Amino acid sequence: MAGGSEAHGDAQFKGWQKHFNTYTIRGRSNITYATYSALALFGLYMYLKPKKKPQQA
């Protein structure tokens, strides 16, 4: 994004940083996919969780 014109290769990253880095287009897209997936799973959980029954007096 901003900064010098250094090329950052995947070789310098290890572990999860290789897949989720901000220096490459693929890394930024992986972050986006992970965020959208997490939001979709949270929405699905909220939609499918059991509804609370009102208490009877």
PDB file of N, CA and C in Angstrom:
ATOM      1  N   MET A   1       0.841  -1.166   0.000  1.00  0.00           N
ATOM      2  CA  MET A   1       0.000   0.000   0.000  1.00  0.00           C
ATOM      3  C   MET A   1       0.891   1.236   0.000  1.00  0.00           C
ATOM      4  N   ALA A   2       1.141   1.822   1.158  1.00  0.00           N
ATOM      5  CA  ALA A   2       2.007   2.987   1.201  1.00  0.00           C
ATOM      6  C   ALA A   2       3.430   2.534   1.525  1.00  0.00           C
ATOM      7  N   GLY A   3       4.385   3.348   1.200  1.00  0.00           N
ATOM      8  CA  GLY A   3       5.756   3.006   1.533  1.00  0.00           C
ATOM      9  C   GLY A   3       6.618   2.872   0.303  1.00  0.00           C
ATOM     10  N   GLY A   4       7.756   2.235   0.518  1.00  0.00           N
ATOM     11  CA  GLY A   4       8.730   2.075  -0.556  1.00  0.00           C
ATOM     12  C   GLY A   4       8.279   1.086  -1.598  1.00  0.00           C
ATOM     13  N   SER A   5       9.136   0.886  -2.550  1.00  0.00           N
ATOM     14  CA  SER A   5       8.801  -0.020  -3.641  1.00  0.00           C
ATOM     15  C   SER A   5       9.454  -1.384  -3.460  1.00  0.00           C
ATOM     16  N   GLU A   6       9.694  -1.780  -2.218  1.00  0.00           N
ATOM     17  CA  GLU A   6      10.295  -3.084  -1.959  1.00  0.00           C
ATOM     18  C   GLU A   6       9.303  -4.188  -2.294  1.00  0.00           C
ATOM     19  N   ALA A   7       9.788  -5.232  -2.890  1.00  0.00           N
ATOM     20  CA  ALA A   7       8.943  -6.386  -3.173  1.00  0.00           C
ATOM     21  C   ALA A   7       9.058  -7.355  -2.000  1.00  0.00           C
ATOM     22  N   HIS A   8       7.927  -7.699  -1.413  1.00  0.00           N
ATOM     23  CA  HIS A   8       7.907  -8.626  -0.292  1.00  0.00           C
ATOM     24  C   HIS A   8       7.432  -9.975  -0.791  1.00  0.00           C
ATOM     25  N   GLY A   9       8.303 -10.947  -0.777  1.00  0.00           N
ATOM     26  CA  GLY A   9       7.960 -12.279  -1.232  1.00  0.00           C
ATOM     27  C   GLY A   9       7.394 -13.106  -0.098  1.00  0.00           C
ATOM     28  N   ASP A  10       6.764 -14.221  -0.438  1.00  0.00           N
ATOM     29  CA  ASP A  10       6.211 -15.105   0.574  1.00  0.00           C
ATOM     30  C   ASP A  10       7.308 -15.843   1.339  1.00  0.00           C
ATOM     31  N   ALA A  11       8.543 -15.824   0.820  1.00  0.00           N
ATOM     32  CA  ALA A  11       9.622 -16.593   1.437  1.00  0.00           C
ATOM     33  C   ALA A  11       9.987 -16.052   2.818  1.00  0.00           C
ATOM     34  N   GLN A  12       9.795 -14.774   3.066  1.00  0.00           N
ATOM     35  CA  GLN A  12      10.192 -14.217   4.350  1.00  0.00           C
ATOM     36  C   GLN A  12       9.170 -14.476   5.445  1.00  0.00           C
ATOM     37  N   PHE A  13       7.953 -14.880   5.104  1.00  0.00           N
ATOM     38  CA  PHE A  13       6.921 -15.135   6.096  1.00  0.00           C
ATOM     39  C   PHE A  13       6.835 -16.618   6.393  1.00  0.00           C
ATOM     40  N   LYS A  14       6.496 -16.934   7.644  1.00  0.00           N
ATOM     41  CA  LYS A  14       6.354 -18.319   8.067  1.00  0.00           C
ATOM     42  C   LYS A  14       5.068 -18.470   8.853  1.00  0.00           C
ATOM     43  N   GLY A  15       4.503 -19.674   8.815  1.00  0.00           N
ATOM     44  CA  GLY A  15       3.292 -19.957   9.576  1.00  0.00           C
ATOM     45  C   GLY A  15       2.088 -19.220   9.018  1.00  0.00           C
ATOM     46  N   TRP A  16       1.222 -18.746   9.920  1.00  0.00           N
ATOM     47  CA  TRP A  16      -0.010 -18.068   9.498  1.00  0.00           C
ATOM     48  C   TRP A  16       0.280 -16.734   8.824  1.00  0.00           C
ATOM     49  N   GLN A  17       1.436 -16.145   9.096  1.00  0.00           N
ATOM     50  CA  GLN A  17       1.778 -14.865   8.471  1.00  0.00           C
ATOM     51  C   GLN A  17       1.985 -15.004   6.969  1.00  0.00           C
ATOM     52  N   LYS A  18       2.297 -16.219   6.525  1.00  0.00           N
ATOM     53  CA  LYS A  18       2.479 -16.443   5.090  1.00  0.00           C
ATOM     54  C   LYS A  18       1.158 -16.275   4.345  1.00  0.00           C
ATOM     55  N   HIS A  19       0.049 -16.619   5.001  1.00  0.00           N
ATOM     56  CA  HIS A  19      -1.250 -16.567   4.353  1.00  0.00           C
ATOM     57  C   HIS A  19      -2.011 -15.277   4.651  1.00  0.00           C
ATOM     58  N   PHE A  20      -1.733 -14.636   5.782  1.00  0.00           N
ATOM     59  CA  PHE A  20      -2.454 -13.437   6.193  1.00  0.00           C
ATOM     60  C   PHE A  20      -1.468 -12.283   6.373  1.00  0.00           C
ATOM     61  N   ASN A  21      -0.962 -11.761   5.264  1.00  0.00           N
ATOM     62  CA  ASN A  21      -0.057 -10.618   5.351  1.00  0.00           C
ATOM     63  C   ASN A  21      -0.645  -9.461   4.559  1.00  0.00           C
ATOM     64  N   THR A  22      -0.204  -8.264   4.850  1.00  0.00           N
ATOM     65  CA  THR A  22      -0.751  -7.079   4.194  1.00  0.00           C
ATOM     66  C   THR A  22       0.128  -6.583   3.062  1.00  0.00           C
ATOM     67  N   TYR A  23       1.175  -7.312   2.742  1.00  0.00           N
ATOM     68  CA  TYR A  23       2.103  -6.868   1.707  1.00  0.00           C
ATOM     69  C   TYR A  23       1.753  -7.397   0.324  1.00  0.00           C
ATOM     70  N   THR A  24       0.927  -8.451   0.256  1.00  0.00           N
ATOM     71  CA  THR A  24       0.603  -9.031  -1.042  1.00  0.00           C
ATOM     72  C   THR A  24      -0.902  -8.987  -1.273  1.00  0.00           C
ATOM     73  N   ILE A  25      -1.297  -9.007  -2.518  1.00  0.00           N
ATOM     74  CA  ILE A  25      -2.713  -9.014  -2.868  1.00  0.00           C
ATOM     75  C   ILE A  25      -3.386 -10.277  -2.336  1.00  0.00           C
ATOM     76  N   ARG A  26      -2.695 -11.402  -2.471  1.00  0.00           N
ATOM     77  CA  ARG A  26      -3.264 -12.665  -1.992  1.00  0.00           C
ATOM     78  C   ARG A  26      -3.450 -12.655  -0.474  1.00  0.00           C
ATOM     79  N   GLY A  27      -2.503 -12.098   0.263  1.00  0.00           N
ATOM     80  CA  GLY A  27      -2.627 -12.016   1.708  1.00  0.00           C
ATOM     81  C   GLY A  27      -3.795 -11.143   2.136  1.00  0.00           C
ATOM     82  N   ARG A  28      -3.963 -10.017   1.464  1.00  0.00           N
ATOM     83  CA  ARG A  28      -5.085  -9.131   1.794  1.00  0.00           C
ATOM     84  C   ARG A  28      -6.419  -9.775   1.442  1.00  0.00           C
ATOM     85  N   SER A  29      -6.463 -10.523   0.342  1.00  0.00           N
ATOM     86  CA  SER A  29      -7.715 -11.191  -0.011  1.00  0.00           C
ATOM     87  C   SER A  29      -8.029 -12.315   0.975  1.00  0.00           C
ATOM     88  N   ASN A  30      -7.015 -12.998   1.477  1.00  0.00           N
ATOM     89  CA  ASN A  30      -7.240 -14.038   2.490  1.00  0.00           C
ATOM     90  C   ASN A  30      -7.800 -13.436   3.774  1.00  0.00           C
ATOM     91  N   ILE A  31      -7.338 -12.265   4.154  1.00  0.00           N
ATOM     92  CA  ILE A  31      -7.878 -11.590   5.332  1.00  0.00           C
ATOM     93  C   ILE A  31      -9.347 -11.259   5.106  1.00  0.00           C
ATOM     94  N   THR A  32      -9.677 -10.791   3.911  1.00  0.00           N
ATOM     95  CA  THR A  32     -11.063 -10.467   3.590  1.00  0.00           C
ATOM     96  C   THR A  32     -11.939 -11.708   3.629  1.00  0.00           C
ATOM     97  N   TYR A  33     -11.468 -12.802   3.036  1.00  0.00           N
ATOM     98  CA  TYR A  33     -12.242 -14.042   3.042  1.00  0.00           C
ATOM     99  C   TYR A  33     -12.461 -14.548   4.468  1.00  0.00           C
ATOM    100  N   ALA A  34     -11.454 -14.464   5.300  1.00  0.00           N
ATOM    101  CA  ALA A  34     -11.585 -14.916   6.682  1.00  0.00           C
ATOM    102  C   ALA A  34     -12.577 -14.053   7.451  1.00  0.00           C
ATOM    103  N   THR A  35     -12.562 -12.741   7.211  1.00  0.00           N
ATOM    104  CA  THR A  35     -13.488 -11.845   7.893  1.00  0.00           C
ATOM    105  C   THR A  35     -14.926 -12.121   7.475  1.00  0.00           C
ATOM    106  N   TYR A  36     -15.157 -12.237   6.171  1.00  0.00           N
ATOM    107  CA  TYR A  36     -16.508 -12.532   5.690  1.00  0.00           C
ATOM    108  C   TYR A  36     -16.993 -13.896   6.179  1.00  0.00           C
ATOM    109  N   SER A  37     -16.115 -14.868   6.226  1.00  0.00           N
ATOM    110  CA  SER A  37     -16.495 -16.199   6.714  1.00  0.00           C
ATOM    111  C   SER A  37     -16.878 -16.156   8.181  1.00  0.00           C
ATOM    112  N   ALA A  38     -16.102 -15.437   8.976  1.00  0.00           N
ATOM    113  CA  ALA A  38     -16.403 -15.327  10.401  1.00  0.00           C
ATOM    114  C   ALA A  38     -17.741 -14.620  10.614  1.00  0.00           C
ATOM    115  N   LEU A  39     -18.015 -13.573   9.867  1.00  0.00           N
ATOM    116  CA  LEU A  39     -19.290 -12.875   9.991  1.00  0.00           C
ATOM    117  C   LEU A  39     -20.454 -13.765   9.557  1.00  0.00           C
ATOM    118  N   ALA A  40     -20.259 -14.538   8.503  1.00  0.00           N
ATOM    119  CA  ALA A  40     -21.311 -15.440   8.043  1.00  0.00           C
ATOM    120  C   ALA A  40     -21.587 -16.532   9.079  1.00  0.00           C
ATOM    121  N   LEU A  41     -20.540 -17.090   9.676  1.00  0.00           N
ATOM    122  CA  LEU A  41     -20.725 -18.111  10.713  1.00  0.00           C
ATOM    123  C   LEU A  41     -21.418 -17.551  11.938  1.00  0.00           C
ATOM    124  N   PHE A  42     -21.069 -16.331  12.334  1.00  0.00           N
ATOM    125  CA  PHE A  42     -21.722 -15.696  13.476  1.00  0.00           C
ATOM    126  C   PHE A  42     -23.201 -15.446  13.171  1.00  0.00           C
ATOM    127  N   GLY A  43     -23.502 -14.963  11.967  1.00  0.00           N
ATOM    128  CA  GLY A  43     -24.895 -14.739  11.581  1.00  0.00           C
ATOM    129  C   GLY A  43     -25.683 -16.035  11.542  1.00  0.00           C
ATOM    130  N   LEU A  44     -25.089 -17.092  11.026  1.00  0.00           N
ATOM    131  CA  LEU A  44     -25.739 -18.392  10.984  1.00  0.00           C
ATOM    132  C   LEU A  44     -25.987 -18.925  12.395  1.00  0.00           C
ATOM    133  N   TYR A  45     -25.036 -18.741  13.279  1.00  0.00           N
ATOM    134  CA  TYR A  45     -25.211 -19.160  14.671  1.00  0.00           C
ATOM    135  C   TYR A  45     -26.361 -18.399  15.320  1.00  0.00           C
ATOM    136  N   MET A  46     -26.409 -17.083  15.116  1.00  0.00           N
ATOM    137  CA  MET A  46     -27.474 -16.283  15.725  1.00  0.00           C
ATOM    138  C   MET A  46     -28.847 -16.671  15.163  1.00  0.00           C
ATOM    139  N   TYR A  47     -28.892 -17.055  13.901  1.00  0.00           N
ATOM    140  CA  TYR A  47     -30.150 -17.435  13.267  1.00  0.00           C
ATOM    141  C   TYR A  47     -30.622 -18.814  13.723  1.00  0.00           C
ATOM    142  N   LEU A  48     -29.697 -19.743  13.919  1.00  0.00           N
ATOM    143  CA  LEU A  48     -30.064 -21.124  14.215  1.00  0.00           C
ATOM    144  C   LEU A  48     -30.070 -21.482  15.700  1.00  0.00           C
ATOM    145  N   LYS A  49     -29.603 -20.611  16.564  1.00  0.00           N
ATOM    146  CA  LYS A  49     -29.570 -20.971  17.985  1.00  0.00           C
ATOM    147  C   LYS A  49     -30.995 -21.122  18.515  1.00  0.00           C
ATOM    148  N   PRO A  50     -31.166 -21.968  19.521  1.00  0.00           N
ATOM    149  CA  PRO A  50     -32.519 -22.197  20.066  1.00  0.00           C
ATOM    150  C   PRO A  50     -33.106 -20.910  20.652  1.00  0.00           C
ATOM    151  N   LYS A  51     -34.400 -20.738  20.414  1.00  0.00           N
ATOM    152  CA  LYS A  51     -35.079 -19.557  20.942  1.00  0.00           C
ATOM    153  C   LYS A  51     -35.439 -19.805  22.402  1.00  0.00           C
ATOM    154  N   LYS A  52     -35.385 -18.776  23.222  1.00  0.00           N
ATOM    155  CA  LYS A  52     -35.755 -18.909  24.631  1.00  0.00           C
ATOM    156  C   LYS A  52     -37.279 -18.887  24.738  1.00  0.00           C
ATOM    157  N   LYS A  53     -37.809 -19.772  25.553  1.00  0.00           N
ATOM    158  CA  LYS A  53     -39.245 -19.824  25.766  1.00  0.00           C
ATOM    159  C   LYS A  53     -39.614 -18.859  26.899  1.00  0.00           C
ATOM    160  N   PRO A  54     -40.729 -18.145  26.787  1.00  0.00           N
ATOM    161  CA  PRO A  54     -41.134 -17.269  27.886  1.00  0.00           C
ATOM    162  C   PRO A  54     -41.520 -18.087  29.110  1.00  0.00           C
ATOM    163  N   GLN A  55     -41.222 -17.555  30.291  1.00  0.00           N
ATOM    164  CA  GLN A  55     -41.541 -18.263  31.528  1.00  0.00           C
ATOM    165  C   GLN A  55     -43.027 -18.139  31.820  1.00  0.00           C
ATOM    166  N   GLN A  56     -43.599 -19.253  32.277  1.00  0.00           N
ATOM    167  CA  GLN A  56     -45.009 -19.246  32.640  1.00  0.00           C
ATOM    168  C   GLN A  56     -45.128 -19.017  34.136  1.00  0.00           C
ATOM    169  N   ALA A  57     -46.075 -18.154  34.541  1.00  0.00           N
ATOM    170  CA  ALA A  57     -46.242 -17.819  35.959  1.00  0.00           C
ATOM    171  C   ALA A  57     -47.227 -18.700  36.636  1.00  0.00           C
TER     172      ALA A  57
END
